[in-house]
């Protein structure tokens, strides 16, 4: 019954252990230097244009989402009268 599971485990173990390892450059010191600079930017915007774009998109969705929730609450609290 568990024959397939055991066979899969053996194949997975062989594949993972025999795969070639890529050498990766350690980017942590560069990122630390970038984020510790005193350039007047808040930490959530120090990553560059992608961070600014994500921040603006998040703020836009938050404002529109809050507005929509208030609208729906208003609609629920004060239903229109039907004639």
PDB file of N, CA and C in Angstrom:
ATOM      1  N   UNK A   1       0.816  -1.190   0.000  1.00  0.00           N
ATOM      2  CA  UNK A   1       0.000   0.000   0.000  1.00  0.00           C
ATOM      3  C   UNK A   1       0.864   1.260   0.000  1.00  0.00           C
ATOM      4  N   UNK A   2       1.922   1.269   0.776  1.00  0.00           N
ATOM      5  CA  UNK A   2       2.791   2.438   0.870  1.00  0.00           C
ATOM      6  C   UNK A   2       3.984   2.344  -0.073  1.00  0.00           C
ATOM      7  N   UNK A   3       3.946   1.388  -0.982  1.00  0.00           N
ATOM      8  CA  UNK A   3       5.047   1.176  -1.897  1.00  0.00           C
ATOM      9  C   UNK A   3       5.319   2.418  -2.748  1.00  0.00           C
ATOM     10  N   UNK A   4       4.255   3.061  -3.211  1.00  0.00           N
ATOM     11  CA  UNK A   4       4.406   4.254  -4.055  1.00  0.00           C
ATOM     12  C   UNK A   4       4.995   5.420  -3.271  1.00  0.00           C
ATOM     13  N   UNK A   5       4.604   5.558  -2.031  1.00  0.00           N
ATOM     14  CA  UNK A   5       5.120   6.646  -1.194  1.00  0.00           C
ATOM     15  C   UNK A   5       6.614   6.462  -0.955  1.00  0.00           C
ATOM     16  N   UNK A   6       7.013   5.256  -0.642  1.00  0.00           N
ATOM     17  CA  UNK A   6       8.434   4.970  -0.405  1.00  0.00           C
ATOM     18  C   UNK A   6       9.245   5.188  -1.675  1.00  0.00           C
ATOM     19  N   UNK A   7       8.720   4.754  -2.818  1.00  0.00           N
ATOM     20  CA  UNK A   7       9.420   4.963  -4.083  1.00  0.00           C
ATOM     21  C   UNK A   7       9.560   6.453  -4.386  1.00  0.00           C
ATOM     22  N   UNK A   8       8.495   7.221  -4.131  1.00  0.00           N
ATOM     23  CA  UNK A   8       8.545   8.668  -4.361  1.00  0.00           C
ATOM     24  C   UNK A   8       9.576   9.329  -3.454  1.00  0.00           C
ATOM     25  N   UNK A   9       9.633   8.906  -2.202  1.00  0.00           N
ATOM     26  CA  UNK A   9      10.604   9.473  -1.274  1.00  0.00           C
ATOM     27  C   UNK A   9      12.027   9.220  -1.757  1.00  0.00           C
ATOM     28  N   UNK A  10      12.274   8.021  -2.267  1.00  0.00           N
ATOM     29  CA  UNK A  10      13.612   7.703  -2.752  1.00  0.00           C
ATOM     30  C   UNK A  10      13.968   8.550  -3.968  1.00  0.00           C
ATOM     31  N   UNK A  11      13.017   8.710  -4.880  1.00  0.00           N
ATOM     32  CA  UNK A  11      13.272   9.521  -6.073  1.00  0.00           C
ATOM     33  C   UNK A  11      13.497  10.974  -5.682  1.00  0.00           C
ATOM     34  N   UNK A  12      12.665  11.483  -4.779  1.00  0.00           N
ATOM     35  CA  UNK A  12      12.799  12.874  -4.350  1.00  0.00           C
ATOM     36  C   UNK A  12      14.133  13.093  -3.653  1.00  0.00           C
ATOM     37  N   UNK A  13      14.531  12.182  -2.810  1.00  0.00           N
ATOM     38  CA  UNK A  13      15.790  12.314  -2.085  1.00  0.00           C
ATOM     39  C   UNK A  13      16.956  12.308  -3.072  1.00  0.00           C
ATOM     40  N   UNK A  14      16.904  11.426  -4.056  1.00  0.00           N
ATOM     41  CA  UNK A  14      17.960  11.344  -5.044  1.00  0.00           C
ATOM     42  C   UNK A  14      18.032  12.628  -5.876  1.00  0.00           C
ATOM     43  N   UNK A  15      16.870  13.146  -6.265  1.00  0.00           N
ATOM     44  CA  UNK A  15      16.841  14.351  -7.100  1.00  0.00           C
ATOM     45  C   UNK A  15      17.390  15.550  -6.345  1.00  0.00           C
ATOM     46  N   UNK A  16      16.986  15.730  -5.104  1.00  0.00           N
ATOM     47  CA  UNK A  16      17.429  16.884  -4.339  1.00  0.00           C
ATOM     48  C   UNK A  16      18.914  16.803  -4.019  1.00  0.00           C
ATOM     49  N   UNK A  17      19.374  15.652  -3.612  1.00  0.00           N
ATOM     50  CA  UNK A  17      20.772  15.539  -3.200  1.00  0.00           C
ATOM     51  C   UNK A  17      21.734  15.527  -4.382  1.00  0.00           C
ATOM     52  N   UNK A  18      21.269  15.163  -5.567  1.00  0.00           N
ATOM     53  CA  UNK A  18      22.187  15.086  -6.695  1.00  0.00           C
ATOM     54  C   UNK A  18      22.114  16.314  -7.596  1.00  0.00           C
ATOM     55  N   UNK A  19      21.230  17.253  -7.282  1.00  0.00           N
ATOM     56  CA  UNK A  19      21.123  18.433  -8.134  1.00  0.00           C
ATOM     57  C   UNK A  19      22.335  19.336  -7.921  1.00  0.00           C
ATOM     58  N   UNK A  20      22.697  20.033  -8.980  1.00  0.00           N
ATOM     59  CA  UNK A  20      23.851  20.932  -8.911  1.00  0.00           C
ATOM     60  C   UNK A  20      23.495  22.151  -8.067  1.00  0.00           C
ATOM     61  N   UNK A  21      24.423  22.579  -7.251  1.00  0.00           N
ATOM     62  CA  UNK A  21      24.196  23.758  -6.416  1.00  0.00           C
ATOM     63  C   UNK A  21      24.788  24.979  -7.093  1.00  0.00           C
ATOM     64  N   UNK A  22      23.985  26.036  -7.105  1.00  0.00           N
ATOM     65  CA  UNK A  22      24.485  27.284  -7.678  1.00  0.00           C
ATOM     66  C   UNK A  22      25.097  28.113  -6.560  1.00  0.00           C
ATOM     67  N   UNK A  23      26.174  28.740  -6.883  1.00  0.00           N
ATOM     68  CA  UNK A  23      26.786  29.643  -5.921  1.00  0.00           C
ATOM     69  C   UNK A  23      26.021  30.957  -5.967  1.00  0.00           C
ATOM     70  N   UNK A  24      25.587  31.400  -4.809  1.00  0.00           N
ATOM     71  CA  UNK A  24      24.848  32.650  -4.738  1.00  0.00           C
ATOM     72  C   UNK A  24      25.674  33.670  -3.967  1.00  0.00           C
ATOM     73  N   UNK A  25      25.685  34.879  -4.489  1.00  0.00           N
ATOM     74  CA  UNK A  25      26.412  35.948  -3.828  1.00  0.00           C
ATOM     75  C   UNK A  25      25.606  36.413  -2.620  1.00  0.00           C
ATOM     76  N   UNK A  26      26.271  36.644  -1.521  1.00  0.00           N
ATOM     77  CA  UNK A  26      25.616  37.131  -0.307  1.00  0.00           C
ATOM     78  C   UNK A  26      25.318  38.614  -0.481  1.00  0.00           C
ATOM     79  N   UNK A  27      24.016  38.948  -0.581  1.00  0.00           N
ATOM     80  CA  UNK A  27      23.608  40.330  -0.812  1.00  0.00           C
ATOM     81  C   UNK A  27      23.233  41.055   0.479  1.00  0.00           C
ATOM     82  N   UNK A  28      23.326  40.382   1.600  1.00  0.00           N
ATOM     83  CA  UNK A  28      22.907  40.983   2.869  1.00  0.00           C
ATOM     84  C   UNK A  28      23.719  42.233   3.212  1.00  0.00           C
ATOM     85  N   UNK A  29      25.048  42.230   3.109  1.00  0.00           N
ATOM     86  CA  UNK A  29      25.781  43.455   3.453  1.00  0.00           C
ATOM     87  C   UNK A  29      25.382  44.657   2.592  1.00  0.00           C
ATOM     88  N   UNK A  30      25.115  44.413   1.301  1.00  0.00           N
ATOM     89  CA  UNK A  30      24.692  45.499   0.421  1.00  0.00           C
ATOM     90  C   UNK A  30      23.333  46.051   0.862  1.00  0.00           C
ATOM     91  N   UNK A  31      22.415  45.158   1.168  1.00  0.00           N
ATOM     92  CA  UNK A  31      21.077  45.582   1.610  1.00  0.00           C
ATOM     93  C   UNK A  31      21.147  46.301   2.953  1.00  0.00           C
ATOM     94  N   UNK A  32      22.004  45.833   3.846  1.00  0.00           N
ATOM     95  CA  UNK A  32      22.161  46.504   5.137  1.00  0.00           C
ATOM     96  C   UNK A  32      22.652  47.935   4.937  1.00  0.00           C
ATOM     97  N   UNK A  33      23.628  48.087   4.055  1.00  0.00           N
ATOM     98  CA  UNK A  33      24.166  49.417   3.787  1.00  0.00           C
ATOM     99  C   UNK A  33      23.075  50.317   3.199  1.00  0.00           C
ATOM    100  N   UNK A  34      22.277  49.774   2.283  1.00  0.00           N
ATOM    101  CA  UNK A  34      21.209  50.541   1.649  1.00  0.00           C
ATOM    102  C   UNK A  34      20.168  50.996   2.672  1.00  0.00           C
ATOM    103  N   UNK A  35      19.755  50.100   3.535  1.00  0.00           N
ATOM    104  CA  UNK A  35      18.686  50.415   4.470  1.00  0.00           C
ATOM    105  C   UNK A  35      19.161  51.221   5.675  1.00  0.00           C
ATOM    106  N   UNK A  36      20.455  51.254   5.942  1.00  0.00           N
ATOM    107  CA  UNK A  36      20.969  52.022   7.072  1.00  0.00           C
ATOM    108  C   UNK A  36      21.433  53.420   6.684  1.00  0.00           C
ATOM    109  N   UNK A  37      21.373  53.750   5.386  1.00  0.00           N
ATOM    110  CA  UNK A  37      21.737  55.092   4.946  1.00  0.00           C
ATOM    111  C   UNK A  37      20.779  56.109   5.564  1.00  0.00           C
ATOM    112  N   UNK A  38      21.316  57.264   5.903  1.00  0.00           N
ATOM    113  CA  UNK A  38      20.482  58.338   6.429  1.00  0.00           C
ATOM    114  C   UNK A  38      20.165  59.294   5.281  1.00  0.00           C
ATOM    115  N   UNK A  39      19.179  58.929   4.467  1.00  0.00           N
ATOM    116  CA  UNK A  39      18.823  59.759   3.320  1.00  0.00           C
ATOM    117  C   UNK A  39      17.433  60.385   3.457  1.00  0.00           C
ATOM    118  N   UNK A  40      16.854  60.323   4.641  1.00  0.00           N
ATOM    119  CA  UNK A  40      15.581  60.974   4.883  1.00  0.00           C
ATOM    120  C   UNK A  40      14.359  60.193   4.440  1.00  0.00           C
ATOM    121  N   UNK A  41      14.554  59.045   3.823  1.00  0.00           N
ATOM    122  CA  UNK A  41      13.415  58.234   3.387  1.00  0.00           C
ATOM    123  C   UNK A  41      12.986  57.294   4.500  1.00  0.00           C
ATOM    124  N   UNK A  42      11.683  57.043   4.605  1.00  0.00           N
ATOM    125  CA  UNK A  42      11.249  56.023   5.560  1.00  0.00           C
ATOM    126  C   UNK A  42      11.711  54.645   5.085  1.00  0.00           C
ATOM    127  N   UNK A  43      11.850  53.727   6.004  1.00  0.00           N
ATOM    128  CA  UNK A  43      12.442  52.431   5.683  1.00  0.00           C
ATOM    129  C   UNK A  43      11.614  51.660   4.651  1.00  0.00           C
ATOM    130  N   UNK A  44      10.298  51.873   4.636  1.00  0.00           N
ATOM    131  CA  UNK A  44       9.477  51.114   3.692  1.00  0.00           C
ATOM    132  C   UNK A  44       9.576  51.651   2.265  1.00  0.00           C
ATOM    133  N   UNK A  45      10.304  52.738   2.058  1.00  0.00           N
ATOM    134  CA  UNK A  45      10.495  53.267   0.708  1.00  0.00           C
ATOM    135  C   UNK A  45      11.953  53.238   0.253  1.00  0.00           C
ATOM    136  N   UNK A  46      12.839  52.725   1.068  1.00  0.00           N
ATOM    137  CA  UNK A  46      14.269  52.732   0.734  1.00  0.00           C
ATOM    138  C   UNK A  46      14.644  51.720  -0.345  1.00  0.00           C
ATOM    139  N   UNK A  47      13.747  50.805  -0.677  1.00  0.00           N
ATOM    140  CA  UNK A  47      14.053  49.783  -1.667  1.00  0.00           C
ATOM    141  C   UNK A  47      14.017  50.270  -3.092  1.00  0.00           C
ATOM    142  N   UNK A  48      13.526  51.482  -3.333  1.00  0.00           N
ATOM    143  CA  UNK A  48      13.525  52.027  -4.680  1.00  0.00           C
ATOM    144  C   UNK A  48      12.129  52.188  -5.251  1.00  0.00           C
ATOM    145  N   UNK A  49      12.067  52.180  -6.587  1.00  0.00           N
ATOM    146  CA  UNK A  49      10.817  52.448  -7.298  1.00  0.00           C
ATOM    147  C   UNK A  49       9.773  51.362  -7.038  1.00  0.00           C
ATOM    148  N   UNK A  50      10.198  50.122  -6.928  1.00  0.00           N
ATOM    149  CA  UNK A  50       9.239  49.035  -6.688  1.00  0.00           C
ATOM    150  C   UNK A  50       8.556  49.206  -5.335  1.00  0.00           C
ATOM    151  N   UNK A  51       9.319  49.625  -4.333  1.00  0.00           N
ATOM    152  CA  UNK A  51       8.725  49.866  -3.013  1.00  0.00           C
ATOM    153  C   UNK A  51       7.734  51.025  -3.065  1.00  0.00           C
ATOM    154  N   UNK A  52       8.075  52.086  -3.775  1.00  0.00           N
ATOM    155  CA  UNK A  52       7.181  53.235  -3.889  1.00  0.00           C
ATOM    156  C   UNK A  52       5.899  52.838  -4.611  1.00  0.00           C
ATOM    157  N   UNK A  53       6.024  52.040  -5.651  1.00  0.00           N
ATOM    158  CA  UNK A  53       4.845  51.583  -6.392  1.00  0.00           C
ATOM    159  C   UNK A  53       3.952  50.706  -5.518  1.00  0.00           C
ATOM    160  N   UNK A  54       4.553  49.778  -4.802  1.00  0.00           N
ATOM    161  CA  UNK A  54       3.771  48.925  -3.911  1.00  0.00           C
ATOM    162  C   UNK A  54       3.100  49.737  -2.805  1.00  0.00           C
ATOM    163  N   UNK A  55       3.795  50.736  -2.286  1.00  0.00           N
ATOM    164  CA  UNK A  55       3.235  51.587  -1.236  1.00  0.00           C
ATOM    165  C   UNK A  55       2.029  52.359  -1.765  1.00  0.00           C
ATOM    166  N   UNK A  56       2.182  52.952  -2.940  1.00  0.00           N
ATOM    167  CA  UNK A  56       1.068  53.730  -3.511  1.00  0.00           C
ATOM    168  C   UNK A  56      -0.116  52.836  -3.846  1.00  0.00           C
ATOM    169  N   UNK A  57       0.142  51.653  -4.386  1.00  0.00           N
ATOM    170  CA  UNK A  57      -0.950  50.727  -4.700  1.00  0.00           C
ATOM    171  C   UNK A  57      -1.671  50.296  -3.426  1.00  0.00           C
ATOM    172  N   UNK A  58      -0.920  50.033  -2.376  1.00  0.00           N
ATOM    173  CA  UNK A  58      -1.521  49.636  -1.106  1.00  0.00           C
ATOM    174  C   UNK A  58      -2.366  50.765  -0.532  1.00  0.00           C
ATOM    175  N   UNK A  59      -1.855  51.981  -0.558  1.00  0.00           N
ATOM    176  CA  UNK A  59      -2.609  53.121  -0.031  1.00  0.00           C
ATOM    177  C   UNK A  59      -3.874  53.368  -0.856  1.00  0.00           C
ATOM    178  N   UNK A  60      -3.773  53.244  -2.180  1.00  0.00           N
ATOM    179  CA  UNK A  60      -4.942  53.432  -3.043  1.00  0.00           C
ATOM    180  C   UNK A  60      -6.010  52.407  -2.736  1.00  0.00           C
ATOM    181  N   UNK A  61      -5.629  51.146  -2.658  1.00  0.00           N
ATOM    182  CA  UNK A  61      -6.595  50.092  -2.338  1.00  0.00           C
ATOM    183  C   UNK A  61      -7.194  50.280  -0.954  1.00  0.00           C
ATOM    184  N   UNK A  62      -6.383  50.738  -0.015  1.00  0.00           N
ATOM    185  CA  UNK A  62      -6.877  50.968   1.343  1.00  0.00           C
ATOM    186  C   UNK A  62      -7.914  52.084   1.369  1.00  0.00           C
ATOM    187  N   UNK A  63      -7.632  53.184   0.688  1.00  0.00           N
ATOM    188  CA  UNK A  63      -8.567  54.312   0.671  1.00  0.00           C
ATOM    189  C   UNK A  63      -9.865  53.919  -0.026  1.00  0.00           C
ATOM    190  N   UNK A  64      -9.766  53.288  -1.196  1.00  0.00           N
ATOM    191  CA  UNK A  64     -10.983  52.877  -1.907  1.00  0.00           C
ATOM    192  C   UNK A  64     -11.743  51.807  -1.131  1.00  0.00           C
ATOM    193  N   UNK A  65     -11.039  50.895  -0.509  1.00  0.00           N
ATOM    194  CA  UNK A  65     -11.687  49.861   0.288  1.00  0.00           C
ATOM    195  C   UNK A  65     -12.409  50.439   1.484  1.00  0.00           C
ATOM    196  N   UNK A  66     -11.781  51.397   2.154  1.00  0.00           N
ATOM    197  CA  UNK A  66     -12.422  52.046   3.293  1.00  0.00           C
ATOM    198  C   UNK A  66     -13.656  52.816   2.846  1.00  0.00           C
ATOM    199  N   UNK A  67     -13.552  53.523   1.741  1.00  0.00           N
ATOM    200  CA  UNK A  67     -14.701  54.250   1.200  1.00  0.00           C
ATOM    201  C   UNK A  67     -15.847  53.314   0.851  1.00  0.00           C
ATOM    202  N   UNK A  68     -15.535  52.186   0.254  1.00  0.00           N
ATOM    203  CA  UNK A  68     -16.569  51.224  -0.118  1.00  0.00           C
ATOM    204  C   UNK A  68     -17.245  50.636   1.122  1.00  0.00           C
ATOM    205  N   UNK A  69     -16.475  50.344   2.154  1.00  0.00           N
ATOM    206  CA  UNK A  69     -17.049  49.808   3.393  1.00  0.00           C
ATOM    207  C   UNK A  69     -17.984  50.829   4.021  1.00  0.00           C
ATOM    208  N   UNK A  70     -17.565  52.105   4.060  1.00  0.00           N
ATOM    209  CA  UNK A  70     -18.425  53.151   4.618  1.00  0.00           C
ATOM    210  C   UNK A  70     -19.700  53.283   3.793  1.00  0.00           C
ATOM    211  N   UNK A  71     -19.584  53.219   2.471  1.00  0.00           N
ATOM    212  CA  UNK A  71     -20.753  53.283   1.590  1.00  0.00           C
ATOM    213  C   UNK A  71     -21.716  52.137   1.876  1.00  0.00           C
ATOM    214  N   UNK A  72     -21.187  50.918   1.970  1.00  0.00           N
ATOM    215  CA  UNK A  72     -22.045  49.758   2.225  1.00  0.00           C
ATOM    216  C   UNK A  72     -22.687  49.833   3.610  1.00  0.00           C
ATOM    217  N   UNK A  73     -21.958  50.309   4.603  1.00  0.00           N
ATOM    218  CA  UNK A  73     -22.540  50.480   5.934  1.00  0.00           C
ATOM    219  C   UNK A  73     -23.653  51.523   5.913  1.00  0.00           C
ATOM    220  N   UNK A  74     -23.442  52.601   5.190  1.00  0.00           N
ATOM    221  CA  UNK A  74     -24.462  53.639   5.061  1.00  0.00           C
ATOM    222  C   UNK A  74     -25.710  53.077   4.389  1.00  0.00           C
ATOM    223  N   UNK A  75     -25.501  52.313   3.328  1.00  0.00           N
ATOM    224  CA  UNK A  75     -26.625  51.693   2.616  1.00  0.00           C
ATOM    225  C   UNK A  75     -27.399  50.744   3.527  1.00  0.00           C
ATOM    226  N   UNK A  76     -26.660  49.980   4.355  1.00  0.00           N
ATOM    227  CA  UNK A  76     -27.308  49.024   5.248  1.00  0.00           C
ATOM    228  C   UNK A  76     -28.023  49.739   6.404  1.00  0.00           C
ATOM    229  N   UNK A  77     -27.456  50.833   6.856  1.00  0.00           N
ATOM    230  CA  UNK A  77     -28.037  51.540   8.002  1.00  0.00           C
ATOM    231  C   UNK A  77     -29.273  52.356   7.611  1.00  0.00           C
ATOM    232  N   UNK A  78     -29.275  52.876   6.398  1.00  0.00           N
ATOM    233  CA  UNK A  78     -30.376  53.705   5.927  1.00  0.00           C
ATOM    234  C   UNK A  78     -30.919  53.173   4.614  1.00  0.00           C
ATOM    235  N   UNK A  79     -31.695  52.089   4.657  1.00  0.00           N
ATOM    236  CA  UNK A  79     -32.212  51.515   3.400  1.00  0.00           C
ATOM    237  C   UNK A  79     -33.220  52.456   2.743  1.00  0.00           C
ATOM    238  N   UNK A  80     -33.302  52.368   1.425  1.00  0.00           N
ATOM    239  CA  UNK A  80     -34.259  53.201   0.707  1.00  0.00           C
ATOM    240  C   UNK A  80     -35.669  52.685   0.921  1.00  0.00           C
ATOM    241  N   UNK A  81     -36.602  53.619   0.997  1.00  0.00           N
ATOM    242  CA  UNK A  81     -37.984  53.229   1.162  1.00  0.00           C
ATOM    243  C   UNK A  81     -38.545  52.785  -0.181  1.00  0.00           C
ATOM    244  N   UNK A  82     -39.277  51.691  -0.167  1.00  0.00           N
ATOM    245  CA  UNK A  82     -39.901  51.197  -1.397  1.00  0.00           C
ATOM    246  C   UNK A  82     -41.373  51.584  -1.387  1.00  0.00           C
ATOM    247  N   UNK A  83     -41.830  52.144  -2.485  1.00  0.00           N
ATOM    248  CA  UNK A  83     -43.221  52.588  -2.572  1.00  0.00           C
ATOM    249  C   UNK A  83     -44.132  51.483  -3.026  1.00  0.00           C
TER     250      UNK A  83
END
